[in-house]
Amino acid sequence: MYCHAMNWYMRPMARFNSDKSNAILVCHALSGHHHVAGYYADDPKNVGWWDTLIGPGKPLDTNKFFVIGLNNLGGCHGSTGPSSINPASGKPYGASFPVVTVEDWVESQARLADRLGIQQFAAILGGSLGGMQAMQWSLSYPERVPPCAGDCHCTASDRREHRLQRRGAQCQS
């Protein structure tokens, strides 16, 4: 994938420890976004999609872990995507935005981790498409993730539905 510049929109929760080994990346599904837990002061009813899992005293305890939720490139929640301005033309990318794959998302996440100084994550997880990204991390950057296990059961019907979701998203641009 080639894009002139990449911007990520992310929501970090908690603080790094001294060697930044407490970072956890939470990858979202196709229709997800960076708001993984908590709420915004101006919208207390808008609770994050994994709020029961992330926060003080919860399984992903933000008293211990630096939890990162970010928007995938090509999405519509702040990271570079079709509605972003193409610096070459001064106009939105629109349909000319590159097709983005799971491998591209993981590559962009690795670039963000580099910028943040994260050498290895304590964990990378996600559901659905987020789970595919977590598994791709173990293939593309095995040295940057702890040993992992996953439950990737995907039927032919699931694959058809995912294909239809992708095509629908492409038609909207």
N, C-alpha and C. Protein backbone atom coordinates (compact mmCIF):
# COMPACT_ATOMS: atom_id res chain seq x y z
N MET A 1 0.84 -1.17 0.00
CA MET A 1 0.00 0.00 0.00
C MET A 1 0.88 1.24 0.00
N TYR A 2 0.54 2.22 -0.78
CA TYR A 2 1.28 3.47 -0.78
C TYR A 2 0.32 4.62 -0.50
N CYS A 3 0.70 5.46 0.40
CA CYS A 3 -0.07 6.64 0.73
C CYS A 3 0.96 7.73 1.02
N HIS A 4 0.73 8.95 0.55
CA HIS A 4 1.72 10.02 0.72
C HIS A 4 2.11 10.24 2.18
N ALA A 5 1.15 10.26 3.05
CA ALA A 5 1.40 10.46 4.48
C ALA A 5 0.33 9.69 5.25
N MET A 6 0.70 9.23 6.42
CA MET A 6 -0.28 8.51 7.23
C MET A 6 -0.46 9.22 8.55
N ASN A 7 -1.69 9.37 8.93
CA ASN A 7 -2.04 9.88 10.25
C ASN A 7 -2.88 8.81 10.93
N TRP A 8 -2.61 8.59 12.21
CA TRP A 8 -3.38 7.63 12.98
C TRP A 8 -4.17 8.39 14.02
N TYR A 9 -5.37 7.94 14.26
CA TYR A 9 -6.15 8.47 15.36
C TYR A 9 -6.23 7.36 16.38
N MET A 10 -5.74 7.63 17.58
CA MET A 10 -5.70 6.58 18.59
C MET A 10 -6.13 7.12 19.94
N ARG A 11 -6.50 6.19 20.81
CA ARG A 11 -6.87 6.55 22.17
C ARG A 11 -6.03 5.71 23.12
N PRO A 12 -4.95 6.28 23.64
CA PRO A 12 -4.16 5.53 24.63
C PRO A 12 -4.82 5.61 26.00
N MET A 13 -4.69 4.55 26.76
CA MET A 13 -5.24 4.52 28.11
C MET A 13 -4.13 4.09 29.05
N ALA A 14 -3.88 4.88 30.11
CA ALA A 14 -2.86 4.63 31.13
C ALA A 14 -1.52 5.20 30.71
N ARG A 15 -0.45 4.65 31.28
CA ARG A 15 0.90 5.16 31.02
C ARG A 15 1.86 4.01 30.74
N PHE A 16 2.91 4.32 29.99
CA PHE A 16 3.97 3.34 29.77
C PHE A 16 4.72 3.11 31.06
N ASN A 17 5.29 1.89 31.21
CA ASN A 17 6.28 1.68 32.25
C ASN A 17 7.63 2.14 31.70
N SER A 18 8.70 2.00 32.46
CA SER A 18 10.00 2.58 32.07
C SER A 18 10.54 2.03 30.75
N ASP A 19 10.32 0.75 30.44
CA ASP A 19 10.84 0.19 29.19
C ASP A 19 9.75 -0.03 28.13
N LYS A 20 8.55 0.49 28.38
CA LYS A 20 7.43 0.42 27.44
C LYS A 20 7.02 -1.01 27.09
N SER A 21 7.28 -1.94 28.02
CA SER A 21 6.93 -3.34 27.78
C SER A 21 5.50 -3.67 28.22
N ASN A 22 4.77 -2.67 28.69
CA ASN A 22 3.41 -2.91 29.16
C ASN A 22 2.34 -2.50 28.14
N ALA A 23 2.73 -2.30 26.89
CA ALA A 23 1.79 -1.84 25.86
C ALA A 23 0.95 -3.00 25.34
N ILE A 24 -0.34 -2.76 25.23
CA ILE A 24 -1.28 -3.71 24.63
C ILE A 24 -1.99 -3.00 23.49
N LEU A 25 -1.99 -3.65 22.33
CA LEU A 25 -2.69 -3.11 21.16
C LEU A 25 -4.01 -3.83 21.00
N VAL A 26 -5.10 -3.07 20.95
CA VAL A 26 -6.43 -3.64 20.74
C VAL A 26 -6.84 -3.27 19.31
N CYS A 27 -7.00 -4.28 18.47
CA CYS A 27 -7.35 -4.09 17.06
C CYS A 27 -8.87 -4.24 16.90
N HIS A 28 -9.46 -3.39 16.09
CA HIS A 28 -10.92 -3.42 15.97
C HIS A 28 -11.40 -4.16 14.73
N ALA A 29 -12.68 -4.48 14.76
CA ALA A 29 -13.34 -5.15 13.64
C ALA A 29 -13.58 -4.16 12.51
N LEU A 30 -14.14 -4.62 11.42
CA LEU A 30 -14.32 -3.80 10.22
C LEU A 30 -15.05 -2.50 10.51
N SER A 31 -16.08 -2.55 11.31
CA SER A 31 -16.86 -1.34 11.58
C SER A 31 -16.47 -0.66 12.89
N GLY A 32 -15.36 -1.06 13.50
CA GLY A 32 -14.96 -0.52 14.79
C GLY A 32 -14.16 0.77 14.70
N HIS A 33 -13.66 1.20 15.85
CA HIS A 33 -12.90 2.44 15.94
C HIS A 33 -12.07 2.44 17.21
N HIS A 34 -11.41 3.54 17.48
CA HIS A 34 -10.45 3.67 18.58
C HIS A 34 -11.08 3.68 19.97
N HIS A 35 -12.37 3.89 20.08
CA HIS A 35 -13.01 4.05 21.39
C HIS A 35 -13.27 2.68 22.00
N VAL A 36 -12.20 2.09 22.57
CA VAL A 36 -12.29 0.72 23.09
C VAL A 36 -12.86 0.65 24.50
N ALA A 37 -12.73 1.70 25.28
CA ALA A 37 -13.22 1.65 26.66
C ALA A 37 -13.42 3.05 27.20
N GLY A 38 -14.19 3.13 28.28
CA GLY A 38 -14.44 4.41 28.91
C GLY A 38 -15.49 5.20 28.16
N TYR A 39 -15.61 6.46 28.54
CA TYR A 39 -16.58 7.34 27.90
C TYR A 39 -15.99 8.74 27.83
N TYR A 40 -16.58 9.57 27.03
CA TYR A 40 -16.15 10.95 26.89
C TYR A 40 -16.97 11.83 27.83
N ALA A 41 -16.34 12.81 28.44
CA ALA A 41 -17.02 13.68 29.41
C ALA A 41 -18.27 14.32 28.82
N ASP A 42 -18.22 14.69 27.55
CA ASP A 42 -19.38 15.35 26.92
C ASP A 42 -20.42 14.36 26.39
N ASP A 43 -20.15 13.05 26.50
CA ASP A 43 -21.08 12.04 26.01
C ASP A 43 -20.98 10.78 26.86
N PRO A 44 -21.40 10.84 28.13
CA PRO A 44 -21.21 9.72 29.04
C PRO A 44 -21.97 8.44 28.68
N LYS A 45 -22.92 8.53 27.77
CA LYS A 45 -23.64 7.32 27.36
C LYS A 45 -22.92 6.57 26.24
N ASN A 46 -21.92 7.19 25.65
CA ASN A 46 -21.15 6.57 24.57
C ASN A 46 -19.98 5.80 25.18
N VAL A 47 -20.25 4.56 25.56
CA VAL A 47 -19.26 3.73 26.23
C VAL A 47 -18.48 2.93 25.18
N GLY A 48 -17.18 2.75 25.42
CA GLY A 48 -16.32 2.00 24.50
C GLY A 48 -16.80 0.58 24.29
N TRP A 49 -16.46 0.01 23.12
CA TRP A 49 -17.00 -1.28 22.72
C TRP A 49 -16.44 -2.46 23.50
N TRP A 50 -15.30 -2.31 24.21
CA TRP A 50 -14.79 -3.37 25.08
C TRP A 50 -14.62 -2.85 26.50
N ASP A 51 -15.53 -2.01 26.93
CA ASP A 51 -15.44 -1.39 28.24
C ASP A 51 -15.45 -2.42 29.38
N THR A 52 -16.11 -3.55 29.19
CA THR A 52 -16.14 -4.56 30.24
C THR A 52 -14.79 -5.27 30.39
N LEU A 53 -13.92 -5.12 29.41
CA LEU A 53 -12.62 -5.81 29.41
C LEU A 53 -11.46 -4.89 29.77
N ILE A 54 -11.61 -3.59 29.54
CA ILE A 54 -10.49 -2.65 29.66
C ILE A 54 -10.79 -1.59 30.71
N GLY A 55 -9.85 -1.42 31.64
CA GLY A 55 -9.99 -0.38 32.66
C GLY A 55 -9.39 -0.83 33.97
N PRO A 56 -9.35 0.04 34.95
CA PRO A 56 -8.77 -0.31 36.25
C PRO A 56 -9.47 -1.53 36.87
N GLY A 57 -8.68 -2.52 37.27
CA GLY A 57 -9.21 -3.73 37.89
C GLY A 57 -9.86 -4.72 36.95
N LYS A 58 -9.88 -4.43 35.66
CA LYS A 58 -10.48 -5.32 34.67
C LYS A 58 -9.37 -6.19 34.05
N PRO A 59 -9.73 -7.20 33.24
CA PRO A 59 -8.68 -8.06 32.67
C PRO A 59 -7.53 -7.31 31.99
N LEU A 60 -7.83 -6.28 31.22
CA LEU A 60 -6.77 -5.42 30.66
C LEU A 60 -6.71 -4.20 31.57
N ASP A 61 -6.02 -4.39 32.68
CA ASP A 61 -5.99 -3.41 33.77
C ASP A 61 -5.12 -2.21 33.40
N THR A 62 -5.76 -1.06 33.28
CA THR A 62 -5.02 0.15 32.89
C THR A 62 -4.19 0.71 34.04
N ASN A 63 -4.23 0.08 35.21
CA ASN A 63 -3.27 0.41 36.26
C ASN A 63 -1.94 -0.29 35.99
N LYS A 64 -1.96 -1.31 35.13
CA LYS A 64 -0.76 -2.07 34.79
C LYS A 64 -0.33 -1.90 33.33
N PHE A 65 -1.31 -1.80 32.44
CA PHE A 65 -1.03 -1.83 31.01
C PHE A 65 -1.35 -0.50 30.33
N PHE A 66 -0.53 -0.17 29.33
CA PHE A 66 -0.77 0.96 28.44
C PHE A 66 -1.56 0.40 27.27
N VAL A 67 -2.85 0.65 27.23
CA VAL A 67 -3.73 0.06 26.22
C VAL A 67 -3.93 1.07 25.09
N ILE A 68 -3.72 0.59 23.87
CA ILE A 68 -3.86 1.44 22.69
C ILE A 68 -5.01 0.94 21.83
N GLY A 69 -5.96 1.82 21.57
CA GLY A 69 -7.00 1.56 20.59
C GLY A 69 -6.81 2.57 19.47
N LEU A 70 -6.68 2.11 18.25
CA LEU A 70 -6.51 3.05 17.16
C LEU A 70 -7.41 2.71 15.99
N ASN A 71 -7.62 3.69 15.15
CA ASN A 71 -8.42 3.49 13.95
C ASN A 71 -7.52 2.96 12.84
N ASN A 72 -8.02 1.99 12.11
CA ASN A 72 -7.27 1.47 10.98
C ASN A 72 -7.19 2.50 9.86
N LEU A 73 -6.10 2.46 9.13
CA LEU A 73 -6.00 3.28 7.92
C LEU A 73 -7.12 2.88 6.97
N GLY A 74 -7.67 3.85 6.30
CA GLY A 74 -8.76 3.60 5.36
C GLY A 74 -10.13 3.66 6.00
N GLY A 75 -10.17 3.85 7.31
CA GLY A 75 -11.44 3.94 8.01
C GLY A 75 -11.98 5.36 8.00
N CYS A 76 -13.04 5.56 8.75
CA CYS A 76 -13.70 6.88 8.71
C CYS A 76 -13.75 7.52 10.10
N HIS A 77 -12.82 7.17 10.97
CA HIS A 77 -12.84 7.71 12.32
C HIS A 77 -11.57 8.47 12.68
N GLY A 78 -10.93 9.11 11.72
CA GLY A 78 -9.80 9.99 12.03
C GLY A 78 -8.47 9.61 11.44
N SER A 79 -8.20 8.32 11.23
CA SER A 79 -6.94 7.94 10.58
C SER A 79 -7.06 8.22 9.08
N THR A 80 -5.93 8.25 8.40
CA THR A 80 -5.93 8.54 6.97
C THR A 80 -6.82 7.56 6.21
N GLY A 81 -7.71 8.09 5.39
CA GLY A 81 -8.64 7.27 4.63
C GLY A 81 -9.16 8.02 3.42
N PRO A 82 -10.17 7.50 2.75
CA PRO A 82 -10.68 8.12 1.53
C PRO A 82 -11.12 9.58 1.68
N SER A 83 -11.58 9.98 2.87
CA SER A 83 -12.00 11.37 3.05
C SER A 83 -10.84 12.31 3.37
N SER A 84 -9.64 11.75 3.56
CA SER A 84 -8.45 12.57 3.83
C SER A 84 -7.99 13.29 2.57
N ILE A 85 -7.32 14.39 2.76
CA ILE A 85 -6.81 15.17 1.61
C ILE A 85 -5.54 14.53 1.07
N ASN A 86 -5.54 14.27 -0.21
CA ASN A 86 -4.36 13.77 -0.91
C ASN A 86 -3.45 14.97 -1.15
N PRO A 87 -2.25 14.99 -0.55
CA PRO A 87 -1.37 16.15 -0.71
C PRO A 87 -0.96 16.42 -2.16
N ALA A 88 -0.99 15.39 -2.99
CA ALA A 88 -0.60 15.57 -4.39
C ALA A 88 -1.65 16.34 -5.19
N SER A 89 -2.92 16.18 -4.82
CA SER A 89 -3.99 16.83 -5.58
C SER A 89 -4.69 17.95 -4.80
N GLY A 90 -4.55 17.94 -3.47
CA GLY A 90 -5.26 18.91 -2.65
C GLY A 90 -6.74 18.58 -2.49
N LYS A 91 -7.15 17.41 -2.96
CA LYS A 91 -8.55 16.97 -2.88
C LYS A 91 -8.62 15.66 -2.09
N PRO A 92 -9.80 15.30 -1.60
CA PRO A 92 -9.92 14.01 -0.89
C PRO A 92 -9.51 12.85 -1.80
N TYR A 93 -8.91 11.82 -1.18
CA TYR A 93 -8.51 10.64 -1.94
C TYR A 93 -9.71 10.01 -2.64
N GLY A 94 -10.83 9.90 -1.93
CA GLY A 94 -12.00 9.26 -2.51
C GLY A 94 -11.69 7.85 -2.97
N ALA A 95 -12.20 7.48 -4.13
CA ALA A 95 -12.01 6.13 -4.66
C ALA A 95 -10.57 5.84 -5.05
N SER A 96 -9.71 6.87 -5.11
CA SER A 96 -8.31 6.62 -5.45
C SER A 96 -7.50 6.17 -4.24
N PHE A 97 -8.13 6.16 -3.04
CA PHE A 97 -7.40 5.68 -1.87
C PHE A 97 -7.02 4.23 -2.10
N PRO A 98 -5.79 3.85 -1.77
CA PRO A 98 -5.34 2.48 -2.04
C PRO A 98 -6.19 1.43 -1.32
N VAL A 99 -6.33 0.28 -1.93
CA VAL A 99 -6.96 -0.86 -1.27
C VAL A 99 -6.06 -1.24 -0.11
N VAL A 100 -6.64 -1.45 1.06
CA VAL A 100 -5.87 -1.73 2.26
C VAL A 100 -6.15 -3.17 2.70
N THR A 101 -5.09 -3.88 3.05
CA THR A 101 -5.20 -5.27 3.48
C THR A 101 -4.87 -5.39 4.97
N VAL A 102 -5.13 -6.54 5.54
CA VAL A 102 -4.75 -6.80 6.93
C VAL A 102 -3.25 -6.59 7.11
N GLU A 103 -2.47 -7.04 6.15
CA GLU A 103 -1.02 -6.85 6.22
C GLU A 103 -0.66 -5.37 6.25
N ASP A 104 -1.37 -4.55 5.47
CA ASP A 104 -1.12 -3.10 5.47
C ASP A 104 -1.43 -2.49 6.83
N TRP A 105 -2.55 -2.90 7.42
CA TRP A 105 -2.90 -2.36 8.75
C TRP A 105 -1.83 -2.71 9.76
N VAL A 106 -1.37 -3.96 9.73
CA VAL A 106 -0.35 -4.38 10.68
C VAL A 106 0.95 -3.62 10.44
N GLU A 107 1.32 -3.42 9.18
CA GLU A 107 2.52 -2.64 8.86
C GLU A 107 2.38 -1.22 9.41
N SER A 108 1.22 -0.61 9.24
CA SER A 108 1.03 0.75 9.74
C SER A 108 1.05 0.77 11.27
N GLN A 109 0.50 -0.26 11.90
CA GLN A 109 0.54 -0.35 13.37
C GLN A 109 1.98 -0.50 13.86
N ALA A 110 2.78 -1.25 13.12
CA ALA A 110 4.20 -1.42 13.49
C ALA A 110 4.93 -0.09 13.37
N ARG A 111 4.60 0.70 12.36
CA ARG A 111 5.21 2.03 12.23
C ARG A 111 4.84 2.92 13.41
N LEU A 112 3.57 2.85 13.83
CA LEU A 112 3.14 3.62 14.99
C LEU A 112 3.89 3.14 16.24
N ALA A 113 4.00 1.82 16.41
CA ALA A 113 4.74 1.28 17.56
C ALA A 113 6.18 1.79 17.55
N ASP A 114 6.80 1.83 16.38
CA ASP A 114 8.16 2.37 16.26
C ASP A 114 8.21 3.81 16.74
N ARG A 115 7.25 4.61 16.30
CA ARG A 115 7.23 6.02 16.71
C ARG A 115 7.04 6.18 18.21
N LEU A 116 6.29 5.26 18.80
CA LEU A 116 6.05 5.31 20.24
C LEU A 116 7.17 4.67 21.05
N GLY A 117 8.11 4.01 20.37
CA GLY A 117 9.23 3.36 21.06
C GLY A 117 8.89 2.01 21.66
N ILE A 118 7.87 1.35 21.12
CA ILE A 118 7.46 0.03 21.62
C ILE A 118 8.23 -1.03 20.85
N GLN A 119 9.08 -1.78 21.54
CA GLN A 119 9.84 -2.86 20.90
C GLN A 119 9.02 -4.14 20.80
N GLN A 120 8.31 -4.46 21.88
CA GLN A 120 7.48 -5.66 21.91
C GLN A 120 6.22 -5.36 22.72
N PHE A 121 5.09 -5.83 22.22
CA PHE A 121 3.82 -5.66 22.93
C PHE A 121 3.67 -6.73 24.00
N ALA A 122 2.99 -6.38 25.08
CA ALA A 122 2.63 -7.37 26.09
C ALA A 122 1.53 -8.28 25.55
N ALA A 123 0.68 -7.73 24.69
CA ALA A 123 -0.39 -8.49 24.04
C ALA A 123 -0.94 -7.69 22.87
N ILE A 124 -1.46 -8.40 21.91
CA ILE A 124 -2.20 -7.79 20.79
C ILE A 124 -3.45 -8.64 20.64
N LEU A 125 -4.61 -7.99 20.65
CA LEU A 125 -5.83 -8.76 20.56
C LEU A 125 -6.92 -7.98 19.84
N GLY A 126 -7.93 -8.71 19.44
CA GLY A 126 -9.07 -8.11 18.78
C GLY A 126 -10.06 -9.18 18.39
N GLY A 127 -11.27 -8.76 18.08
CA GLY A 127 -12.29 -9.69 17.63
C GLY A 127 -12.53 -9.53 16.15
N SER A 128 -12.95 -10.59 15.50
CA SER A 128 -13.28 -10.57 14.09
C SER A 128 -12.07 -10.11 13.27
N LEU A 129 -12.21 -9.04 12.52
CA LEU A 129 -11.09 -8.51 11.73
C LEU A 129 -9.93 -8.11 12.64
N GLY A 130 -10.23 -7.67 13.86
CA GLY A 130 -9.18 -7.35 14.82
C GLY A 130 -8.38 -8.59 15.20
N GLY A 131 -9.05 -9.74 15.31
CA GLY A 131 -8.35 -10.99 15.58
C GLY A 131 -7.45 -11.39 14.42
N MET A 132 -7.90 -11.11 13.20
CA MET A 132 -7.06 -11.39 12.03
C MET A 132 -5.80 -10.54 12.07
N GLN A 133 -5.93 -9.29 12.50
CA GLN A 133 -4.75 -8.42 12.61
C GLN A 133 -3.80 -8.95 13.68
N ALA A 134 -4.35 -9.38 14.81
CA ALA A 134 -3.50 -9.92 15.89
C ALA A 134 -2.72 -11.13 15.39
N MET A 135 -3.39 -12.01 14.66
CA MET A 135 -2.70 -13.18 14.12
C MET A 135 -1.66 -12.77 13.08
N GLN A 136 -1.95 -11.75 12.27
CA GLN A 136 -0.99 -11.29 11.27
C GLN A 136 0.26 -10.75 11.94
N TRP A 137 0.11 -10.10 13.09
CA TRP A 137 1.29 -9.63 13.84
C TRP A 137 2.24 -10.79 14.11
N SER A 138 1.68 -11.96 14.49
CA SER A 138 2.54 -13.10 14.81
C SER A 138 3.26 -13.63 13.58
N LEU A 139 2.72 -13.38 12.40
CA LEU A 139 3.37 -13.80 11.16
C LEU A 139 4.38 -12.76 10.66
N SER A 140 3.98 -11.49 10.70
CA SER A 140 4.83 -10.42 10.16
C SER A 140 5.92 -9.97 11.12
N TYR A 141 5.63 -9.99 12.42
CA TYR A 141 6.57 -9.47 13.43
C TYR A 141 6.62 -10.41 14.64
N PRO A 142 7.02 -11.65 14.45
CA PRO A 142 6.99 -12.61 15.57
C PRO A 142 7.85 -12.17 16.76
N GLU A 143 8.89 -11.40 16.50
CA GLU A 143 9.76 -10.94 17.58
C GLU A 143 9.14 -9.82 18.41
N ARG A 144 8.04 -9.26 17.94
CA ARG A 144 7.42 -8.13 18.63
C ARG A 144 6.16 -8.49 19.40
N VAL A 145 5.78 -9.77 19.35
CA VAL A 145 4.60 -10.21 20.08
C VAL A 145 4.95 -11.42 20.93
N PRO A 146 4.28 -11.57 22.08
CA PRO A 146 4.49 -12.77 22.88
C PRO A 146 3.85 -13.96 22.17
N PRO A 147 4.14 -15.18 22.62
CA PRO A 147 3.47 -16.33 22.02
C PRO A 147 1.96 -16.11 22.05
N CYS A 148 1.28 -16.54 20.99
CA CYS A 148 -0.15 -16.28 20.92
C CYS A 148 -0.92 -17.53 20.55
N ALA A 149 -2.18 -17.48 20.84
CA ALA A 149 -3.10 -18.54 20.45
C ALA A 149 -4.38 -17.86 20.00
N GLY A 150 -5.08 -18.49 19.12
CA GLY A 150 -6.32 -17.89 18.64
C GLY A 150 -7.32 -18.94 18.28
N ASP A 151 -8.55 -18.51 18.22
CA ASP A 151 -9.64 -19.36 17.79
C ASP A 151 -10.20 -18.74 16.53
N CYS A 152 -9.75 -19.22 15.41
CA CYS A 152 -10.15 -18.63 14.13
C CYS A 152 -11.04 -19.61 13.38
N HIS A 153 -12.29 -19.63 13.74
CA HIS A 153 -13.26 -20.46 13.05
C HIS A 153 -14.03 -19.57 12.08
N CYS A 154 -13.91 -19.86 10.82
CA CYS A 154 -14.55 -19.02 9.82
C CYS A 154 -15.19 -19.94 8.78
N THR A 155 -16.50 -19.88 8.68
CA THR A 155 -17.21 -20.73 7.73
C THR A 155 -17.25 -20.07 6.35
N ALA A 156 -17.70 -20.80 5.36
CA ALA A 156 -17.86 -20.24 4.02
C ALA A 156 -18.85 -19.09 4.06
N SER A 157 -19.88 -19.21 4.87
CA SER A 157 -20.87 -18.14 5.01
C SER A 157 -20.23 -16.88 5.60
N ASP A 158 -19.35 -17.05 6.60
CA ASP A 158 -18.64 -15.91 7.19
C ASP A 158 -17.80 -15.21 6.13
N ARG A 159 -17.08 -15.99 5.33
CA ARG A 159 -16.22 -15.40 4.30
C ARG A 159 -17.06 -14.63 3.28
N ARG A 160 -18.22 -15.17 2.89
CA ARG A 160 -19.11 -14.47 1.96
C ARG A 160 -19.57 -13.15 2.57
N GLU A 161 -19.97 -13.19 3.85
CA GLU A 161 -20.44 -11.98 4.51
C GLU A 161 -19.32 -10.93 4.58
N HIS A 162 -18.11 -11.35 4.92
CA HIS A 162 -16.98 -10.40 4.97
C HIS A 162 -16.71 -9.80 3.60
N ARG A 163 -16.82 -10.62 2.55
CA ARG A 163 -16.61 -10.13 1.19
C ARG A 163 -17.66 -9.09 0.83
N LEU A 164 -18.92 -9.36 1.21
CA LEU A 164 -20.00 -8.41 0.93
C LEU A 164 -19.79 -7.10 1.72
N GLN A 165 -19.32 -7.20 2.96
CA GLN A 165 -19.06 -6.00 3.76
C GLN A 165 -17.97 -5.15 3.09
N ARG A 166 -16.90 -5.81 2.64
CA ARG A 166 -15.82 -5.08 1.98
C ARG A 166 -16.31 -4.40 0.70
N ARG A 167 -17.09 -5.13 -0.09
CA ARG A 167 -17.59 -4.56 -1.35
C ARG A 167 -18.53 -3.39 -1.07
N GLY A 168 -19.36 -3.52 -0.04
CA GLY A 168 -20.25 -2.44 0.33
C GLY A 168 -19.46 -1.19 0.74
N ALA A 169 -18.40 -1.39 1.50
CA ALA A 169 -17.57 -0.26 1.92
C ALA A 169 -16.90 0.39 0.71
N GLN A 170 -16.46 -0.41 -0.26
CA GLN A 170 -15.83 0.12 -1.46
C GLN A 170 -16.81 0.94 -2.28
N CYS A 171 -18.07 0.50 -2.31
CA CYS A 171 -19.07 1.22 -3.10
C CYS A 171 -19.46 2.55 -2.49
N GLN A 172 -19.20 2.73 -1.20
CA GLN A 172 -19.58 3.97 -0.54
C GLN A 172 -18.61 5.10 -0.83
N SER A 173 -17.42 4.77 -1.31
CA SER A 173 -16.42 5.83 -1.52
C SER A 173 -16.60 6.53 -2.84
